[in-house]
Amino acid sequence: MSWIDAFLDDGPEYPAERRSVAEVQALLLKAGLGAKLPLGHSQDVSGMAALLMSDPKLFAMAAAALEGPHAPVRCEGTAEHMVIDDARIAMAGPALADAFVCGAKRVVLHDLDWPQLLWPVLVRTEQVYGISLAIDRPDARTIMVSTAKQGLKPLGPPQPIPLLPLARLQELAAKTFVPFSEASRQSGAGAGLQDND
């Protein structure tokens, strides 16, 4: 059983601690880069920090989604009616938001890995770009997102975040660190050579 399955089965009481939204944004950005997401995608995930912090399960799912795998987005259809097959949320979420910003009326996602994370992606799209969206689920493997007159229900305020997914994100973020060596210090990593306490 994976850590995320065990975490979701253990709820709803999780060991958690309070973190600022800014701190979680920075962690999500570094974790996305550590997971080898493109910079822009990592920034999009980071921008959802407050939304993901609204629910411990969403936060844990986001950590699991960042762990991958991250397949490139495969799109078909037209600019107004896009279809994304084998959708991975960390890659497809930003592509979906971009499609609506560029005038799409409907985006169809097939086999989305973390459908629960679509809600914060769409709420952030509404908040940032002012585009009202609706979700329809015609079958078990298909999700249709379309423009709408009325937006989605907002998520709650940030909550304390669970320690297990926090640790997983910190492991991903650590992959961005420069390994310690005298050569890395000479080239600018870490504190300066003359610094002292």
C-alpha atoms as a PDB file:
ATOM      1  CA  MET A   1       0.000   0.000   0.000  1.00  0.00           C
ATOM      2  CA  SER A   2       1.340   3.420  -0.936  1.00  0.00           C
ATOM      3  CA  TRP A   3       1.782   6.201   1.626  1.00  0.00           C
ATOM      4  CA  ILE A   4      -1.131   8.183   0.143  1.00  0.00           C
ATOM      5  CA  ASP A   5      -3.534   5.225   0.363  1.00  0.00           C
ATOM      6  CA  ALA A   6      -2.521   4.641   3.991  1.00  0.00           C
ATOM      7  CA  PHE A   7      -2.883   8.351   4.740  1.00  0.00           C
ATOM      8  CA  LEU A   8      -6.358   8.598   3.214  1.00  0.00           C
ATOM      9  CA  ASP A   9      -7.476   5.418   5.027  1.00  0.00           C
ATOM     10  CA  ASP A  10      -6.228   6.698   8.411  1.00  0.00           C
ATOM     11  CA  GLY A  11      -8.179  10.010   8.460  1.00  0.00           C
ATOM     12  CA  PRO A  12      -9.686  12.269   9.514  1.00  0.00           C
ATOM     13  CA  GLU A  13      -7.345  12.980  12.486  1.00  0.00           C
ATOM     14  CA  TYR A  14      -3.855  13.683  11.154  1.00  0.00           C
ATOM     15  CA  PRO A  15      -0.823  14.980  13.021  1.00  0.00           C
ATOM     16  CA  ALA A  16      -0.562  18.501  11.608  1.00  0.00           C
ATOM     17  CA  GLU A  17       1.059  21.856  12.192  1.00  0.00           C
ATOM     18  CA  ARG A  18       0.370  25.424  11.201  1.00  0.00           C
ATOM     19  CA  ARG A  19       2.401  26.863   8.341  1.00  0.00           C
ATOM     20  CA  SER A  20       2.028  30.184   6.575  1.00  0.00           C
ATOM     21  CA  VAL A  21       0.615  30.210   3.051  1.00  0.00           C
ATOM     22  CA  ALA A  22       3.828  31.879   1.829  1.00  0.00           C
ATOM     23  CA  GLU A  23       5.942  29.103   3.336  1.00  0.00           C
ATOM     24  CA  VAL A  24       3.796  26.417   1.706  1.00  0.00           C
ATOM     25  CA  GLN A  25       3.908  28.281  -1.624  1.00  0.00           C
ATOM     26  CA  ALA A  26       7.706  28.222  -1.525  1.00  0.00           C
ATOM     27  CA  LEU A  27       7.741  24.536  -0.572  1.00  0.00           C
ATOM     28  CA  LEU A  28       5.340  23.597  -3.386  1.00  0.00           C
ATOM     29  CA  LEU A  29       7.436  25.529  -5.898  1.00  0.00           C
ATOM     30  CA  LYS A  30      10.644  23.760  -4.821  1.00  0.00           C
ATOM     31  CA  ALA A  31       8.882  20.374  -4.658  1.00  0.00           C
ATOM     32  CA  GLY A  32       7.556  20.843  -8.193  1.00  0.00           C
ATOM     33  CA  LEU A  33      11.038  21.660  -9.437  1.00  0.00           C
ATOM     34  CA  GLY A  34      12.465  18.713  -7.496  1.00  0.00           C
ATOM     35  CA  ALA A  35       9.874  16.499  -9.202  1.00  0.00           C
ATOM     36  CA  LYS A  36      11.121  17.824 -12.578  1.00  0.00           C
ATOM     37  CA  LEU A  37       7.955  19.763 -13.429  1.00  0.00           C
ATOM     38  CA  PRO A  38       8.496  22.736 -15.756  1.00  0.00           C
ATOM     39  CA  LEU A  39       8.953  26.018 -13.873  1.00  0.00           C
ATOM     40  CA  GLY A  40       5.594  27.419 -14.994  1.00  0.00           C
ATOM     41  CA  HIS A  41       3.742  24.300 -13.849  1.00  0.00           C
ATOM     42  CA  SER A  42       5.535  24.430 -10.495  1.00  0.00           C
ATOM     43  CA  GLN A  43       4.480  28.068 -10.157  1.00  0.00           C
ATOM     44  CA  ASP A  44       0.859  27.128 -10.908  1.00  0.00           C
ATOM     45  CA  VAL A  45       0.912  24.447  -8.205  1.00  0.00           C
ATOM     46  CA  SER A  46       2.529  26.898  -5.799  1.00  0.00           C
ATOM     47  CA  GLY A  47      -0.212  29.436  -6.517  1.00  0.00           C
ATOM     48  CA  MET A  48      -2.791  26.943  -5.236  1.00  0.00           C
ATOM     49  CA  ALA A  49      -1.199  26.693  -1.777  1.00  0.00           C
ATOM     50  CA  ALA A  50      -4.045  28.362   0.152  1.00  0.00           C
ATOM     51  CA  LEU A  51      -6.645  26.251  -1.677  1.00  0.00           C
ATOM     52  CA  LEU A  52      -4.756  22.989  -1.071  1.00  0.00           C
ATOM     53  CA  MET A  53      -4.305  23.922   2.600  1.00  0.00           C
ATOM     54  CA  SER A  54      -8.087  24.114   3.002  1.00  0.00           C
ATOM     55  CA  ASP A  55      -8.330  20.323   3.337  1.00  0.00           C
ATOM     56  CA  PRO A  56      -5.695  17.847   4.621  1.00  0.00           C
ATOM     57  CA  LYS A  57      -6.744  15.264   2.017  1.00  0.00           C
ATOM     58  CA  LEU A  58      -6.344  17.734  -0.850  1.00  0.00           C
ATOM     59  CA  PHE A  59      -2.922  18.700   0.475  1.00  0.00           C
ATOM     60  CA  ALA A  60      -1.854  15.038   0.654  1.00  0.00           C
ATOM     61  CA  MET A  61      -3.183  14.327  -2.843  1.00  0.00           C
ATOM     62  CA  ALA A  62      -1.230  17.295  -4.179  1.00  0.00           C
ATOM     63  CA  ALA A  63       1.967  15.876  -2.661  1.00  0.00           C
ATOM     64  CA  ALA A  64       1.245  12.478  -4.242  1.00  0.00           C
ATOM     65  CA  ALA A  65       0.461  14.116  -7.602  1.00  0.00           C
ATOM     66  CA  LEU A  66       3.770  15.989  -7.520  1.00  0.00           C
ATOM     67  CA  GLU A  67       5.621  12.722  -6.996  1.00  0.00           C
ATOM     68  CA  GLY A  68       4.511  11.800 -10.511  1.00  0.00           C
ATOM     69  CA  PRO A  69       4.737  10.388 -13.034  1.00  0.00           C
ATOM     70  CA  HIS A  70       4.526  13.515 -15.212  1.00  0.00           C
ATOM     71  CA  ALA A  71       3.642  12.732 -18.807  1.00  0.00           C
ATOM     72  CA  PRO A  72       3.526  15.522 -21.374  1.00  0.00           C
ATOM     73  CA  VAL A  73       0.010  16.744 -22.170  1.00  0.00           C
ATOM     74  CA  ARG A  74      -1.473  15.166 -25.294  1.00  0.00           C
ATOM     75  CA  CYS A  75      -4.213  17.385 -26.716  1.00  0.00           C
ATOM     76  CA  GLU A  76      -6.668  16.841 -29.553  1.00  0.00           C
ATOM     77  CA  GLY A  77      -9.637  18.787 -30.844  1.00  0.00           C
ATOM     78  CA  THR A  78      -9.843  22.495 -31.507  1.00  0.00           C
ATOM     79  CA  ALA A  79      -8.898  25.623 -29.594  1.00  0.00           C
ATOM     80  CA  GLU A  80     -12.528  25.922 -28.424  1.00  0.00           C
ATOM     81  CA  HIS A  81     -13.117  22.209 -27.632  1.00  0.00           C
ATOM     82  CA  MET A  82      -9.928  20.555 -26.386  1.00  0.00           C
ATOM     83  CA  VAL A  83      -9.503  16.908 -25.353  1.00  0.00           C
ATOM     84  CA  ILE A  84      -6.646  15.792 -23.058  1.00  0.00           C
ATOM     85  CA  ASP A  85      -6.022  12.036 -22.904  1.00  0.00           C
ATOM     86  CA  ASP A  86      -4.292  10.237 -20.029  1.00  0.00           C
ATOM     87  CA  ALA A  87      -4.404  13.473 -18.020  1.00  0.00           C
ATOM     88  CA  ARG A  88      -1.920  13.912 -15.164  1.00  0.00           C
ATOM     89  CA  ILE A  89      -3.147  16.788 -12.984  1.00  0.00           C
ATOM     90  CA  ALA A  90       0.271  18.389 -12.411  1.00  0.00           C
ATOM     91  CA  MET A  91       0.744  18.769 -16.173  1.00  0.00           C
ATOM     92  CA  ALA A  92      -2.871  18.938 -17.420  1.00  0.00           C
ATOM     93  CA  GLY A  93      -4.100  21.430 -14.792  1.00  0.00           C
ATOM     94  CA  PRO A  94      -2.031  24.360 -16.078  1.00  0.00           C
ATOM     95  CA  ALA A  95      -2.789  23.369 -19.704  1.00  0.00           C
ATOM     96  CA  LEU A  96      -6.507  23.369 -18.929  1.00  0.00           C
ATOM     97  CA  ALA A  97      -6.329  26.815 -17.292  1.00  0.00           C
ATOM     98  CA  ASP A  98      -4.350  28.157 -20.269  1.00  0.00           C
ATOM     99  CA  ALA A  99      -6.951  26.747 -22.672  1.00  0.00           C
ATOM    100  CA  PHE A 100      -9.741  28.724 -21.000  1.00  0.00           C
ATOM    101  CA  VAL A 101      -7.617  31.875 -20.834  1.00  0.00           C
ATOM    102  CA  CYS A 102      -7.108  31.485 -24.602  1.00  0.00           C
ATOM    103  CA  GLY A 103     -10.850  31.208 -25.287  1.00  0.00           C
ATOM    104  CA  ALA A 104     -11.742  27.520 -24.956  1.00  0.00           C
ATOM    105  CA  LYS A 105     -15.391  26.760 -24.194  1.00  0.00           C
ATOM    106  CA  ARG A 106     -14.900  23.136 -23.150  1.00  0.00           C
ATOM    107  CA  VAL A 107     -12.002  20.894 -22.148  1.00  0.00           C
ATOM    108  CA  VAL A 108     -12.477  17.138 -21.802  1.00  0.00           C
ATOM    109  CA  LEU A 109     -10.086  15.191 -19.548  1.00  0.00           C
ATOM    110  CA  HIS A 110      -9.793  11.415 -19.944  1.00  0.00           C
ATOM    111  CA  ASP A 111      -8.400   9.197 -17.169  1.00  0.00           C
ATOM    112  CA  LEU A 112      -7.406  12.065 -14.854  1.00  0.00           C
ATOM    113  CA  ASP A 113      -5.103  10.710 -12.132  1.00  0.00           C
ATOM    114  CA  TRP A 114      -6.336  12.941  -9.276  1.00  0.00           C
ATOM    115  CA  PRO A 115      -9.872  14.166 -10.107  1.00  0.00           C
ATOM    116  CA  GLN A 116     -10.268  15.640  -6.602  1.00  0.00           C
ATOM    117  CA  LEU A 117      -7.484  18.126  -7.378  1.00  0.00           C
ATOM    118  CA  LEU A 118      -9.388  19.497 -10.354  1.00  0.00           C
ATOM    119  CA  TRP A 119     -11.552  21.594  -8.006  1.00  0.00           C
ATOM    120  CA  PRO A 120      -8.685  23.733  -6.629  1.00  0.00           C
ATOM    121  CA  VAL A 121      -7.246  24.071 -10.167  1.00  0.00           C
ATOM    122  CA  LEU A 122     -10.563  25.434 -11.433  1.00  0.00           C
ATOM    123  CA  VAL A 123     -11.222  27.639  -8.392  1.00  0.00           C
ATOM    124  CA  ARG A 124      -7.782  29.221  -8.852  1.00  0.00           C
ATOM    125  CA  THR A 125      -8.492  29.717 -12.563  1.00  0.00           C
ATOM    126  CA  GLU A 126     -11.698  31.522 -11.609  1.00  0.00           C
ATOM    127  CA  GLN A 127      -9.931  33.641  -8.972  1.00  0.00           C
ATOM    128  CA  VAL A 128      -6.980  34.639 -11.146  1.00  0.00           C
ATOM    129  CA  TYR A 129      -8.618  34.999 -14.558  1.00  0.00           C
ATOM    130  CA  GLY A 130     -12.285  35.678 -13.702  1.00  0.00           C
ATOM    131  CA  ILE A 131     -13.553  32.791 -15.856  1.00  0.00           C
ATOM    132  CA  SER A 132     -16.577  30.941 -14.385  1.00  0.00           C
ATOM    133  CA  LEU A 133     -16.374  27.180 -14.909  1.00  0.00           C
ATOM    134  CA  ALA A 134     -18.553  24.097 -14.421  1.00  0.00           C
ATOM    135  CA  ILE A 135     -17.717  20.395 -14.139  1.00  0.00           C
ATOM    136  CA  ASP A 136     -19.679  17.495 -15.651  1.00  0.00           C
ATOM    137  CA  ARG A 137     -18.826  13.808 -15.284  1.00  0.00           C
ATOM    138  CA  PRO A 138     -20.558  11.856 -18.071  1.00  0.00           C
ATOM    139  CA  ASP A 139     -18.781   8.580 -17.220  1.00  0.00           C
ATOM    140  CA  ALA A 140     -16.179   7.148 -14.849  1.00  0.00           C
ATOM    141  CA  ARG A 141     -13.178   8.028 -17.018  1.00  0.00           C
ATOM    142  CA  THR A 142     -14.303  11.371 -18.445  1.00  0.00           C
ATOM    143  CA  ILE A 143     -14.534  14.851 -16.914  1.00  0.00           C
ATOM    144  CA  MET A 144     -15.837  17.775 -18.940  1.00  0.00           C
ATOM    145  CA  VAL A 145     -15.021  21.326 -17.850  1.00  0.00           C
ATOM    146  CA  SER A 146     -16.850  24.164 -19.563  1.00  0.00           C
ATOM    147  CA  THR A 147     -17.412  27.873 -19.203  1.00  0.00           C
ATOM    148  CA  ALA A 148     -20.474  28.745 -17.146  1.00  0.00           C
ATOM    149  CA  LYS A 149     -22.528  31.710 -15.971  1.00  0.00           C
ATOM    150  CA  GLN A 150     -22.039  30.886 -12.295  1.00  0.00           C
ATOM    151  CA  GLY A 151     -18.710  29.847 -10.776  1.00  0.00           C
ATOM    152  CA  LEU A 152     -17.729  26.976  -8.520  1.00  0.00           C
ATOM    153  CA  LYS A 153     -18.196  26.896  -4.768  1.00  0.00           C
ATOM    154  CA  PRO A 154     -15.051  28.296  -3.086  1.00  0.00           C
ATOM    155  CA  LEU A 155     -12.874  26.243  -0.773  1.00  0.00           C
ATOM    156  CA  GLY A 156     -12.436  27.051   2.914  1.00  0.00           C
ATOM    157  CA  PRO A 157      -9.618  28.909   4.660  1.00  0.00           C
ATOM    158  CA  PRO A 158      -6.138  27.385   5.115  1.00  0.00           C
ATOM    159  CA  GLN A 159      -5.881  24.766   7.867  1.00  0.00           C
ATOM    160  CA  PRO A 160      -2.912  23.206   9.670  1.00  0.00           C
ATOM    161  CA  ILE A 161      -1.160  20.899   7.251  1.00  0.00           C
ATOM    162  CA  PRO A 162      -0.575  17.185   7.822  1.00  0.00           C
ATOM    163  CA  LEU A 163       2.985  16.151   8.629  1.00  0.00           C
ATOM    164  CA  LEU A 164       3.282  13.100   6.353  1.00  0.00           C
ATOM    165  CA  PRO A 165       2.630  14.895   3.041  1.00  0.00           C
ATOM    166  CA  LEU A 166       4.669  17.840   4.341  1.00  0.00           C
ATOM    167  CA  ALA A 167       7.644  15.489   4.751  1.00  0.00           C
ATOM    168  CA  ARG A 168       7.076  14.071   1.243  1.00  0.00           C
ATOM    169  CA  LEU A 169       7.121  17.585  -0.217  1.00  0.00           C
ATOM    170  CA  GLN A 170      10.283  18.408   1.722  1.00  0.00           C
ATOM    171  CA  GLU A 171      11.953  15.315   0.207  1.00  0.00           C
ATOM    172  CA  LEU A 172      11.040  16.508  -3.295  1.00  0.00           C
ATOM    173  CA  ALA A 173      12.228  20.043  -2.503  1.00  0.00           C
ATOM    174  CA  ALA A 174      15.556  18.668  -1.233  1.00  0.00           C
ATOM    175  CA  LYS A 175      16.276  17.397  -4.757  1.00  0.00           C
ATOM    176  CA  THR A 176      16.840  21.036  -5.751  1.00  0.00           C
ATOM    177  CA  PHE A 177      19.663  21.490  -3.227  1.00  0.00           C
ATOM    178  CA  VAL A 178      23.267  21.721  -4.406  1.00  0.00           C
ATOM    179  CA  PRO A 179      25.394  18.912  -2.923  1.00  0.00           C
ATOM    180  CA  PHE A 180      27.988  20.168  -0.454  1.00  0.00           C
ATOM    181  CA  SER A 181      31.542  20.271  -1.707  1.00  0.00           C
ATOM    182  CA  GLU A 182      34.382  22.737  -1.593  1.00  0.00           C
ATOM    183  CA  ALA A 183      33.846  23.355  -5.329  1.00  0.00           C
ATOM    184  CA  SER A 184      30.158  24.194  -4.781  1.00  0.00           C
ATOM    185  CA  ARG A 185      31.067  26.623  -1.996  1.00  0.00           C
ATOM    186  CA  GLN A 186      33.700  28.284  -4.176  1.00  0.00           C
ATOM    187  CA  SER A 187      31.088  28.755  -6.925  1.00  0.00           C
ATOM    188  CA  GLY A 188      28.621  30.475  -4.581  1.00  0.00           C
ATOM    189  CA  ALA A 189      26.506  27.780  -2.893  1.00  0.00           C
ATOM    190  CA  GLY A 190      25.764  28.231   0.791  1.00  0.00           C
ATOM    191  CA  ALA A 191      27.145  31.001   2.987  1.00  0.00           C
ATOM    192  CA  GLY A 192      30.148  33.008   1.858  1.00  0.00           C
ATOM    193  CA  LEU A 193      33.629  31.722   2.629  1.00  0.00           C
ATOM    194  CA  GLN A 194      34.240  34.700   4.977  1.00  0.00           C
ATOM    195  CA  ASP A 195      30.915  34.424   6.812  1.00  0.00           C
ATOM    196  CA  ASN A 196      30.881  33.459  10.466  1.00  0.00           C
ATOM    197  CA  ASP A 197      28.486  33.482  13.413  1.00  0.00           C
END
